[in-house]
């Protein structure tokens, strides 16, 4: 990951398309829409600056770095069975970025 992802800014990906399937009277669906999805949508600090999307990670710069590392792993490995165990390892410790060093 370190050698392949050294220049994290070079990664350019298409926007993520999200499709939501829900039932209008389902209590769990309504709870998800009202308590999670809409709230996340409101606080997502993303803006287009000169054709590039900029955002702030909720938990600071280290989280942004961790997100980029894991996204790079997915991009490079391509196979869920290959990258998911590595992401599990990174996420299961106290620090995603320090776990990468190990």
PDB file of N, CA and C in Angstrom:
ATOM      1  N   UNK A   1       0.833  -1.193   0.000  1.00  0.00           N
ATOM      2  CA  UNK A   1       0.000   0.000   0.000  1.00  0.00           C
ATOM      3  C   UNK A   1       0.873   1.250   0.000  1.00  0.00           C
ATOM      4  N   UNK A   2       1.952   1.219   0.790  1.00  0.00           N
ATOM      5  CA  UNK A   2       2.778   2.415   0.886  1.00  0.00           C
ATOM      6  C   UNK A   2       3.402   2.781  -0.455  1.00  0.00           C
ATOM      7  N   UNK A   3       3.928   1.787  -1.179  1.00  0.00           N
ATOM      8  CA  UNK A   3       4.571   2.094  -2.449  1.00  0.00           C
ATOM      9  C   UNK A   3       3.549   2.469  -3.519  1.00  0.00           C
ATOM     10  N   UNK A   4       2.398   1.806  -3.525  1.00  0.00           N
ATOM     11  CA  UNK A   4       1.372   2.083  -4.527  1.00  0.00           C
ATOM     12  C   UNK A   4       0.589   3.352  -4.233  1.00  0.00           C
ATOM     13  N   UNK A   5       0.492   3.720  -2.962  1.00  0.00           N
ATOM     14  CA  UNK A   5      -0.373   4.825  -2.567  1.00  0.00           C
ATOM     15  C   UNK A   5       0.412   6.025  -2.064  1.00  0.00           C
ATOM     16  N   UNK A   6       1.684   6.094  -2.378  1.00  0.00           N
ATOM     17  CA  UNK A   6       2.523   7.180  -1.877  1.00  0.00           C
ATOM     18  C   UNK A   6       1.998   8.534  -2.324  1.00  0.00           C
ATOM     19  N   UNK A   7       1.538   8.620  -3.547  1.00  0.00           N
ATOM     20  CA  UNK A   7       1.010   9.877  -4.066  1.00  0.00           C
ATOM     21  C   UNK A   7      -0.513   9.776  -4.111  1.00  0.00           C
ATOM     22  N   UNK A   8      -1.129   9.909  -2.952  1.00  0.00           N
ATOM     23  CA  UNK A   8      -2.573   9.705  -2.855  1.00  0.00           C
ATOM     24  C   UNK A   8      -3.375  10.695  -3.667  1.00  0.00           C
ATOM     25  N   UNK A   9      -2.838  11.862  -3.898  1.00  0.00           N
ATOM     26  CA  UNK A   9      -3.594  12.885  -4.618  1.00  0.00           C
ATOM     27  C   UNK A   9      -3.764  12.544  -6.098  1.00  0.00           C
ATOM     28  N   UNK A  10      -3.040  11.570  -6.609  1.00  0.00           N
ATOM     29  CA  UNK A  10      -3.140  11.229  -8.032  1.00  0.00           C
ATOM     30  C   UNK A  10      -4.419  10.456  -8.348  1.00  0.00           C
ATOM     31  N   UNK A  11      -5.048   9.896  -7.324  1.00  0.00           N
ATOM     32  CA  UNK A  11      -6.256   9.121  -7.563  1.00  0.00           C
ATOM     33  C   UNK A  11      -7.413  10.031  -7.938  1.00  0.00           C
ATOM     34  N   UNK A  12      -8.029   9.723  -9.020  1.00  0.00           N
ATOM     35  CA  UNK A  12      -9.218  10.459  -9.435  1.00  0.00           C
ATOM     36  C   UNK A  12     -10.292   9.427  -9.734  1.00  0.00           C
ATOM     37  N   UNK A  13     -11.375   9.534  -9.066  1.00  0.00           N
ATOM     38  CA  UNK A  13     -12.441   8.570  -9.248  1.00  0.00           C
ATOM     39  C   UNK A  13     -13.713   9.294  -9.635  1.00  0.00           C
ATOM     40  N   UNK A  14     -14.554   8.579 -10.328  1.00  0.00           N
ATOM     41  CA  UNK A  14     -15.857   9.127 -10.683  1.00  0.00           C
ATOM     42  C   UNK A  14     -16.685   9.291  -9.415  1.00  0.00           C
ATOM     43  N   UNK A  15     -17.623  10.225  -9.418  1.00  0.00           N
ATOM     44  CA  UNK A  15     -18.487  10.377  -8.243  1.00  0.00           C
ATOM     45  C   UNK A  15     -19.216   9.070  -7.936  1.00  0.00           C
ATOM     46  N   UNK A  16     -19.453   8.859  -6.669  1.00  0.00           N
ATOM     47  CA  UNK A  16     -20.157   7.665  -6.223  1.00  0.00           C
ATOM     48  C   UNK A  16     -21.646   7.874  -6.420  1.00  0.00           C
ATOM     49  N   UNK A  17     -22.288   6.924  -7.031  1.00  0.00           N
ATOM     50  CA  UNK A  17     -23.738   6.985  -7.198  1.00  0.00           C
ATOM     51  C   UNK A  17     -24.381   6.124  -6.122  1.00  0.00           C
ATOM     52  N   UNK A  18     -25.318   6.703  -5.415  1.00  0.00           N
ATOM     53  CA  UNK A  18     -26.009   5.992  -4.345  1.00  0.00           C
ATOM     54  C   UNK A  18     -27.463   5.805  -4.742  1.00  0.00           C
ATOM     55  N   UNK A  19     -27.945   4.600  -4.603  1.00  0.00           N
ATOM     56  CA  UNK A  19     -29.349   4.310  -4.852  1.00  0.00           C
ATOM     57  C   UNK A  19     -29.975   3.882  -3.539  1.00  0.00           C
ATOM     58  N   UNK A  20     -31.094   4.455  -3.219  1.00  0.00           N
ATOM     59  CA  UNK A  20     -31.778   4.152  -1.975  1.00  0.00           C
ATOM     60  C   UNK A  20     -33.100   3.458  -2.276  1.00  0.00           C
ATOM     61  N   UNK A  21     -33.289   2.292  -1.706  1.00  0.00           N
ATOM     62  CA  UNK A  21     -34.549   1.568  -1.792  1.00  0.00           C
ATOM     63  C   UNK A  21     -35.153   1.559  -0.395  1.00  0.00           C
ATOM     64  N   UNK A  22     -36.370   1.997  -0.272  1.00  0.00           N
ATOM     65  CA  UNK A  22     -37.004   2.039   1.040  1.00  0.00           C
ATOM     66  C   UNK A  22     -38.522   1.934   0.896  1.00  0.00           C
ATOM     67  N   UNK A  23     -39.171   1.699   2.016  1.00  0.00           N
ATOM     68  CA  UNK A  23     -40.627   1.650   2.071  1.00  0.00           C
ATOM     69  C   UNK A  23     -41.089   2.827   2.919  1.00  0.00           C
ATOM     70  N   UNK A  24     -42.045   3.584   2.423  1.00  0.00           N
ATOM     71  CA  UNK A  24     -42.437   4.830   3.084  1.00  0.00           C
ATOM     72  C   UNK A  24     -43.050   4.628   4.467  1.00  0.00           C
ATOM     73  N   UNK A  25     -43.608   3.477   4.763  1.00  0.00           N
ATOM     74  CA  UNK A  25     -44.210   3.240   6.072  1.00  0.00           C
ATOM     75  C   UNK A  25     -43.393   2.308   6.957  1.00  0.00           C
ATOM     76  N   UNK A  26     -42.238   1.883   6.502  1.00  0.00           N
ATOM     77  CA  UNK A  26     -41.371   0.993   7.273  1.00  0.00           C
ATOM     78  C   UNK A  26     -40.676   1.789   8.379  1.00  0.00           C
ATOM     79  N   UNK A  27     -40.871   1.419   9.647  1.00  0.00           N
ATOM     80  CA  UNK A  27     -40.243   2.169  10.739  1.00  0.00           C
ATOM     81  C   UNK A  27     -38.716   2.226  10.644  1.00  0.00           C
ATOM     82  N   UNK A  28     -38.076   1.129  10.285  1.00  0.00           N
ATOM     83  CA  UNK A  28     -36.609   1.133  10.168  1.00  0.00           C
ATOM     84  C   UNK A  28     -36.152   2.033   9.021  1.00  0.00           C
ATOM     85  N   UNK A  29     -36.856   2.005   7.898  1.00  0.00           N
ATOM     86  CA  UNK A  29     -36.517   2.871   6.765  1.00  0.00           C
ATOM     87  C   UNK A  29     -36.684   4.337   7.140  1.00  0.00           C
ATOM     88  N   UNK A  30     -37.776   4.646   7.791  1.00  0.00           N
ATOM     89  CA  UNK A  30     -38.042   6.022   8.200  1.00  0.00           C
ATOM     90  C   UNK A  30     -36.981   6.492   9.193  1.00  0.00           C
ATOM     91  N   UNK A  31     -36.617   5.636  10.133  1.00  0.00           N
ATOM     92  CA  UNK A  31     -35.582   5.988  11.099  1.00  0.00           C
ATOM     93  C   UNK A  31     -34.252   6.253  10.417  1.00  0.00           C
ATOM     94  N   UNK A  32     -33.900   5.400   9.461  1.00  0.00           N
ATOM     95  CA  UNK A  32     -32.651   5.588   8.723  1.00  0.00           C
ATOM     96  C   UNK A  32     -32.662   6.907   7.957  1.00  0.00           C
ATOM     97  N   UNK A  33     -33.764   7.182   7.250  1.00  0.00           N
ATOM     98  CA  UNK A  33     -33.861   8.417   6.467  1.00  0.00           C
ATOM     99  C   UNK A  33     -33.781   9.659   7.354  1.00  0.00           C
ATOM    100  N   UNK A  34     -34.523   9.649   8.457  1.00  0.00           N
ATOM    101  CA  UNK A  34     -34.638  10.839   9.297  1.00  0.00           C
ATOM    102  C   UNK A  34     -33.436  11.015  10.225  1.00  0.00           C
ATOM    103  N   UNK A  35     -32.989   9.934  10.838  1.00  0.00           N
ATOM    104  CA  UNK A  35     -31.959  10.049  11.868  1.00  0.00           C
ATOM    105  C   UNK A  35     -30.541   9.896  11.347  1.00  0.00           C
ATOM    106  N   UNK A  36     -30.366   9.264  10.209  1.00  0.00           N
ATOM    107  CA  UNK A  36     -29.006   9.041   9.718  1.00  0.00           C
ATOM    108  C   UNK A  36     -28.744   9.681   8.361  1.00  0.00           C
ATOM    109  N   UNK A  37     -29.467   9.274   7.340  1.00  0.00           N
ATOM    110  CA  UNK A  37     -29.158   9.710   5.986  1.00  0.00           C
ATOM    111  C   UNK A  37     -29.306  11.215   5.817  1.00  0.00           C
ATOM    112  N   UNK A  38     -30.435  11.769   6.250  1.00  0.00           N
ATOM    113  CA  UNK A  38     -30.643  13.207   6.072  1.00  0.00           C
ATOM    114  C   UNK A  38     -29.631  14.011   6.879  1.00  0.00           C
ATOM    115  N   UNK A  39     -29.363  13.598   8.094  1.00  0.00           N
ATOM    116  CA  UNK A  39     -28.388  14.287   8.945  1.00  0.00           C
ATOM    117  C   UNK A  39     -27.007  14.271   8.296  1.00  0.00           C
ATOM    118  N   UNK A  40     -26.605  13.116   7.783  1.00  0.00           N
ATOM    119  CA  UNK A  40     -25.302  13.019   7.109  1.00  0.00           C
ATOM    120  C   UNK A  40     -25.262  13.919   5.885  1.00  0.00           C
ATOM    121  N   UNK A  41     -26.348  13.924   5.137  1.00  0.00           N
ATOM    122  CA  UNK A  41     -26.427  14.750   3.934  1.00  0.00           C
ATOM    123  C   UNK A  41     -26.269  16.225   4.289  1.00  0.00           C
ATOM    124  N   UNK A  42     -26.882  16.647   5.403  1.00  0.00           N
ATOM    125  CA  UNK A  42     -26.787  18.047   5.824  1.00  0.00           C
ATOM    126  C   UNK A  42     -25.374  18.441   6.240  1.00  0.00           C
ATOM    127  N   UNK A  43     -24.682  17.552   6.944  1.00  0.00           N
ATOM    128  CA  UNK A  43     -23.366  17.918   7.476  1.00  0.00           C
ATOM    129  C   UNK A  43     -22.212  17.600   6.531  1.00  0.00           C
ATOM    130  N   UNK A  44     -22.500  16.964   5.419  1.00  0.00           N
ATOM    131  CA  UNK A  44     -21.439  16.657   4.465  1.00  0.00           C
ATOM    132  C   UNK A  44     -20.858  17.959   3.944  1.00  0.00           C
ATOM    133  N   UNK A  45     -19.622  18.222   4.326  1.00  0.00           N
ATOM    134  CA  UNK A  45     -18.989  19.488   3.960  1.00  0.00           C
ATOM    135  C   UNK A  45     -18.180  19.299   2.679  1.00  0.00           C
ATOM    136  N   UNK A  46     -18.877  19.346   1.582  1.00  0.00           N
ATOM    137  CA  UNK A  46     -18.258  19.106   0.293  1.00  0.00           C
ATOM    138  C   UNK A  46     -18.584  20.270  -0.625  1.00  0.00           C
ATOM    139  N   UNK A  47     -17.595  20.738  -1.355  1.00  0.00           N
ATOM    140  CA  UNK A  47     -17.844  21.836  -2.271  1.00  0.00           C
ATOM    141  C   UNK A  47     -16.920  21.716  -3.481  1.00  0.00           C
ATOM    142  N   UNK A  48     -17.387  22.240  -4.589  1.00  0.00           N
ATOM    143  CA  UNK A  48     -16.620  22.203  -5.821  1.00  0.00           C
ATOM    144  C   UNK A  48     -15.836  23.512  -5.925  1.00  0.00           C
ATOM    145  N   UNK A  49     -14.499  23.384  -5.924  1.00  0.00           N
ATOM    146  CA  UNK A  49     -13.624  24.545  -6.030  1.00  0.00           C
ATOM    147  C   UNK A  49     -12.771  24.359  -7.275  1.00  0.00           C
ATOM    148  N   UNK A  50     -12.995  25.183  -8.253  1.00  0.00           N
ATOM    149  CA  UNK A  50     -12.242  25.135  -9.516  1.00  0.00           C
ATOM    150  C   UNK A  50     -12.263  23.747 -10.148  1.00  0.00           C
ATOM    151  N   UNK A  51     -13.403  23.099 -10.107  1.00  0.00           N
ATOM    152  CA  UNK A  51     -13.547  21.793 -10.741  1.00  0.00           C
ATOM    153  C   UNK A  51     -13.088  20.619  -9.897  1.00  0.00           C
ATOM    154  N   UNK A  52     -12.623  20.855  -8.672  1.00  0.00           N
ATOM    155  CA  UNK A  52     -12.194  19.776  -7.780  1.00  0.00           C
ATOM    156  C   UNK A  52     -13.076  19.788  -6.541  1.00  0.00           C
ATOM    157  N   UNK A  53     -13.454  18.592  -6.097  1.00  0.00           N
ATOM    158  CA  UNK A  53     -14.276  18.484  -4.894  1.00  0.00           C
ATOM    159  C   UNK A  53     -13.387  18.550  -3.668  1.00  0.00           C
ATOM    160  N   UNK A  54     -13.746  19.416  -2.732  1.00  0.00           N
ATOM    161  CA  UNK A  54     -13.017  19.539  -1.477  1.00  0.00           C
ATOM    162  C   UNK A  54     -13.985  19.269  -0.333  1.00  0.00           C
ATOM    163  N   UNK A  55     -13.503  18.625   0.694  1.00  0.00           N
ATOM    164  CA  UNK A  55     -14.345  18.318   1.841  1.00  0.00           C
ATOM    165  C   UNK A  55     -13.477  18.223   3.081  1.00  0.00           C
ATOM    166  N   UNK A  56     -14.126  18.276   4.232  1.00  0.00           N
ATOM    167  CA  UNK A  56     -13.438  18.096   5.498  1.00  0.00           C
ATOM    168  C   UNK A  56     -13.921  16.796   6.108  1.00  0.00           C
ATOM    169  N   UNK A  57     -13.014  16.001   6.604  1.00  0.00           N
ATOM    170  CA  UNK A  57     -13.394  14.756   7.251  1.00  0.00           C
ATOM    171  C   UNK A  57     -13.892  15.060   8.658  1.00  0.00           C
ATOM    172  N   UNK A  58     -14.921  14.355   9.062  1.00  0.00           N
ATOM    173  CA  UNK A  58     -15.551  14.590  10.349  1.00  0.00           C
ATOM    174  C   UNK A  58     -14.563  14.481  11.508  1.00  0.00           C
ATOM    175  N   UNK A  59     -13.610  13.533  11.404  1.00  0.00           N
ATOM    176  CA  UNK A  59     -12.685  13.298  12.509  1.00  0.00           C
ATOM    177  C   UNK A  59     -11.278  13.822  12.224  1.00  0.00           C
ATOM    178  N   UNK A  60     -11.154  14.767  11.304  1.00  0.00           N
ATOM    179  CA  UNK A  60      -9.893  15.442  11.072  1.00  0.00           C
ATOM    180  C   UNK A  60      -9.021  14.862   9.974  1.00  0.00           C
ATOM    181  N   UNK A  61      -7.818  15.431   9.803  1.00  0.00           N
ATOM    182  CA  UNK A  61      -6.909  15.066   8.716  1.00  0.00           C
ATOM    183  C   UNK A  61      -6.479  13.600   8.731  1.00  0.00           C
ATOM    184  N   UNK A  62      -6.301  13.017   9.925  1.00  0.00           N
ATOM    185  CA  UNK A  62      -5.894  11.609   9.978  1.00  0.00           C
ATOM    186  C   UNK A  62      -6.970  10.709   9.375  1.00  0.00           C
ATOM    187  N   UNK A  63      -8.232  11.063   9.591  1.00  0.00           N
ATOM    188  CA  UNK A  63      -9.316  10.292   8.988  1.00  0.00           C
ATOM    189  C   UNK A  63      -9.295  10.434   7.470  1.00  0.00           C
ATOM    190  N   UNK A  64      -9.031  11.631   6.978  1.00  0.00           N
ATOM    191  CA  UNK A  64      -8.936  11.825   5.524  1.00  0.00           C
ATOM    192  C   UNK A  64      -7.831  10.950   4.942  1.00  0.00           C
ATOM    193  N   UNK A  65      -6.682  10.904   5.634  1.00  0.00           N
ATOM    194  CA  UNK A  65      -5.574  10.065   5.176  1.00  0.00           C
ATOM    195  C   UNK A  65      -5.981   8.589   5.198  1.00  0.00           C
ATOM    196  N   UNK A  66      -6.609   8.150   6.274  1.00  0.00           N
ATOM    197  CA  UNK A  66      -7.077   6.764   6.352  1.00  0.00           C
ATOM    198  C   UNK A  66      -8.063   6.438   5.239  1.00  0.00           C
ATOM    199  N   UNK A  67      -8.983   7.364   4.961  1.00  0.00           N
ATOM    200  CA  UNK A  67      -9.948   7.161   3.876  1.00  0.00           C
ATOM    201  C   UNK A  67      -9.231   7.015   2.535  1.00  0.00           C
ATOM    202  N   UNK A  68      -8.235   7.865   2.301  1.00  0.00           N
ATOM    203  CA  UNK A  68      -7.497   7.800   1.036  1.00  0.00           C
ATOM    204  C   UNK A  68      -6.708   6.502   0.923  1.00  0.00           C
ATOM    205  N   UNK A  69      -6.098   6.063   2.012  1.00  0.00           N
ATOM    206  CA  UNK A  69      -5.337   4.815   1.997  1.00  0.00           C
ATOM    207  C   UNK A  69      -6.262   3.645   1.678  1.00  0.00           C
ATOM    208  N   UNK A  70      -7.396   3.592   2.352  1.00  0.00           N
ATOM    209  CA  UNK A  70      -8.320   2.476   2.123  1.00  0.00           C
ATOM    210  C   UNK A  70      -8.937   2.531   0.732  1.00  0.00           C
ATOM    211  N   UNK A  71      -9.220   3.725   0.242  1.00  0.00           N
ATOM    212  CA  UNK A  71      -9.738   3.863  -1.120  1.00  0.00           C
ATOM    213  C   UNK A  71      -8.694   3.417  -2.128  1.00  0.00           C
ATOM    214  N   UNK A  72      -7.442   3.761  -1.878  1.00  0.00           N
ATOM    215  CA  UNK A  72      -6.355   3.338  -2.752  1.00  0.00           C
ATOM    216  C   UNK A  72      -6.223   1.817  -2.755  1.00  0.00           C
ATOM    217  N   UNK A  73      -6.321   1.213  -1.570  1.00  0.00           N
ATOM    218  CA  UNK A  73      -6.261  -0.251  -1.495  1.00  0.00           C
ATOM    219  C   UNK A  73      -7.364  -0.887  -2.348  1.00  0.00           C
ATOM    220  N   UNK A  74      -8.564  -0.342  -2.245  1.00  0.00           N
ATOM    221  CA  UNK A  74      -9.682  -0.869  -3.046  1.00  0.00           C
ATOM    222  C   UNK A  74      -9.407  -0.694  -4.536  1.00  0.00           C
ATOM    223  N   UNK A  75      -8.885   0.471  -4.888  1.00  0.00           N
ATOM    224  CA  UNK A  75      -8.598   0.770  -6.290  1.00  0.00           C
ATOM    225  C   UNK A  75      -7.521  -0.163  -6.860  1.00  0.00           C
ATOM    226  N   UNK A  76      -6.466  -0.367  -6.082  1.00  0.00           N
ATOM    227  CA  UNK A  76      -5.350  -1.183  -6.554  1.00  0.00           C
ATOM    228  C   UNK A  76      -5.669  -2.679  -6.551  1.00  0.00           C
ATOM    229  N   UNK A  77      -6.312  -3.153  -5.478  1.00  0.00           N
ATOM    230  CA  UNK A  77      -6.572  -4.586  -5.353  1.00  0.00           C
ATOM    231  C   UNK A  77      -7.760  -5.013  -6.206  1.00  0.00           C
ATOM    232  N   UNK A  78      -8.751  -4.155  -6.328  1.00  0.00           N
ATOM    233  CA  UNK A  78      -9.951  -4.386  -7.125  1.00  0.00           C
ATOM    234  C   UNK A  78     -10.850  -5.514  -6.617  1.00  0.00           C
ATOM    235  N   UNK A  79     -10.304  -6.508  -5.978  1.00  0.00           N
ATOM    236  CA  UNK A  79     -11.060  -7.678  -5.532  1.00  0.00           C
ATOM    237  C   UNK A  79     -11.392  -7.540  -4.049  1.00  0.00           C
ATOM    238  N   UNK A  80     -12.677  -7.563  -3.721  1.00  0.00           N
ATOM    239  CA  UNK A  80     -13.132  -7.405  -2.340  1.00  0.00           C
ATOM    240  C   UNK A  80     -12.450  -8.392  -1.401  1.00  0.00           C
ATOM    241  N   UNK A  81     -12.311  -9.636  -1.847  1.00  0.00           N
ATOM    242  CA  UNK A  81     -11.696 -10.673  -1.014  1.00  0.00           C
ATOM    243  C   UNK A  81     -10.228 -10.385  -0.727  1.00  0.00           C
ATOM    244  N   UNK A  82      -9.603  -9.583  -1.552  1.00  0.00           N
ATOM    245  CA  UNK A  82      -8.206  -9.218  -1.349  1.00  0.00           C
ATOM    246  C   UNK A  82      -8.079  -8.018  -0.414  1.00  0.00           C
ATOM    247  N   UNK A  83      -8.847  -6.958  -0.674  1.00  0.00           N
ATOM    248  CA  UNK A  83      -8.654  -5.741   0.125  1.00  0.00           C
ATOM    249  C   UNK A  83      -9.432  -5.714   1.432  1.00  0.00           C
ATOM    250  N   UNK A  84     -10.539  -6.419   1.537  1.00  0.00           N
ATOM    251  CA  UNK A  84     -11.340  -6.325   2.760  1.00  0.00           C
ATOM    252  C   UNK A  84     -10.611  -6.833   4.002  1.00  0.00           C
ATOM    253  N   UNK A  85      -9.858  -7.941   3.931  1.00  0.00           N
ATOM    254  CA  UNK A  85      -9.100  -8.347   5.128  1.00  0.00           C
ATOM    255  C   UNK A  85      -8.070  -7.306   5.569  1.00  0.00           C
ATOM    256  N   UNK A  86      -7.481  -6.598   4.615  1.00  0.00           N
ATOM    257  CA  UNK A  86      -6.507  -5.563   4.960  1.00  0.00           C
ATOM    258  C   UNK A  86      -7.218  -4.391   5.635  1.00  0.00           C
ATOM    259  N   UNK A  87      -8.365  -3.988   5.092  1.00  0.00           N
ATOM    260  CA  UNK A  87      -9.133  -2.905   5.700  1.00  0.00           C
ATOM    261  C   UNK A  87      -9.602  -3.315   7.093  1.00  0.00           C
ATOM    262  N   UNK A  88     -10.014  -4.562   7.247  1.00  0.00           N
ATOM    263  CA  UNK A  88     -10.403  -5.060   8.570  1.00  0.00           C
ATOM    264  C   UNK A  88      -9.239  -4.917   9.547  1.00  0.00           C
ATOM    265  N   UNK A  89      -8.062  -5.299   9.117  1.00  0.00           N
ATOM    266  CA  UNK A  89      -6.868  -5.197   9.961  1.00  0.00           C
ATOM    267  C   UNK A  89      -6.595  -3.746  10.346  1.00  0.00           C
ATOM    268  N   UNK A  90      -6.680  -2.841   9.379  1.00  0.00           N
ATOM    269  CA  UNK A  90      -6.446  -1.427   9.654  1.00  0.00           C
ATOM    270  C   UNK A  90      -7.480  -0.866  10.625  1.00  0.00           C
ATOM    271  N   UNK A  91      -8.739  -1.215  10.414  1.00  0.00           N
ATOM    272  CA  UNK A  91      -9.828  -0.659  11.218  1.00  0.00           C
ATOM    273  C   UNK A  91      -9.928  -1.283  12.611  1.00  0.00           C
ATOM    274  N   UNK A  92      -9.376  -2.463  12.791  1.00  0.00           N
ATOM    275  CA  UNK A  92      -9.557  -3.166  14.066  1.00  0.00           C
ATOM    276  C   UNK A  92      -8.611  -2.694  15.168  1.00  0.00           C
ATOM    277  N   UNK A  93      -7.627  -1.895  14.825  1.00  0.00           N
ATOM    278  CA  UNK A  93      -6.696  -1.404  15.828  1.00  0.00           C
ATOM    279  C   UNK A  93      -7.074  -0.021  16.326  1.00  0.00           C
ATOM    280  N   UNK A  94      -6.201   0.573  17.099  1.00  0.00           N
ATOM    281  CA  UNK A  94      -6.496   1.883  17.674  1.00  0.00           C
ATOM    282  C   UNK A  94      -6.303   3.037  16.688  1.00  0.00           C
ATOM    283  N   UNK A  95      -5.491   2.834  15.645  1.00  0.00           N
ATOM    284  CA  UNK A  95      -5.227   3.893  14.678  1.00  0.00           C
ATOM    285  C   UNK A  95      -5.020   3.285  13.288  1.00  0.00           C
ATOM    286  N   UNK A  96      -5.865   3.691  12.356  1.00  0.00           N
ATOM    287  CA  UNK A  96      -5.771   3.163  10.991  1.00  0.00           C
ATOM    288  C   UNK A  96      -4.401   3.476  10.383  1.00  0.00           C
ATOM    289  N   UNK A  97      -3.937   4.699  10.518  1.00  0.00           N
ATOM    290  CA  UNK A  97      -2.673   5.071   9.878  1.00  0.00           C
ATOM    291  C   UNK A  97      -1.474   4.417  10.561  1.00  0.00           C
ATOM    292  N   UNK A  98      -1.509   4.241  11.875  1.00  0.00           N
ATOM    293  CA  UNK A  98      -0.405   3.567  12.559  1.00  0.00           C
ATOM    294  C   UNK A  98      -0.426   2.064  12.294  1.00  0.00           C
ATOM    295  N   UNK A  99      -1.597   1.484  12.105  1.00  0.00           N
ATOM    296  CA  UNK A  99      -1.691   0.063  11.774  1.00  0.00           C
ATOM    297  C   UNK A  99      -1.070  -0.212  10.414  1.00  0.00           C
ATOM    298  N   UNK A 100      -1.129   0.738   9.509  1.00  0.00           N
ATOM    299  CA  UNK A 100      -0.517   0.563   8.195  1.00  0.00           C
ATOM    300  C   UNK A 100       0.989   0.415   8.310  1.00  0.00           C
ATOM    301  N   UNK A 101       1.588   1.170   9.231  1.00  0.00           N
ATOM    302  CA  UNK A 101       3.038   1.085   9.435  1.00  0.00           C
ATOM    303  C   UNK A 101       3.453  -0.336   9.841  1.00  0.00           C
ATOM    304  N   UNK A 102       2.633  -0.958  10.695  1.00  0.00           N
ATOM    305  CA  UNK A 102       2.951  -2.305  11.148  1.00  0.00           C
ATOM    306  C   UNK A 102       2.812  -3.285  10.007  1.00  0.00           C
TER     307      UNK A 102
END
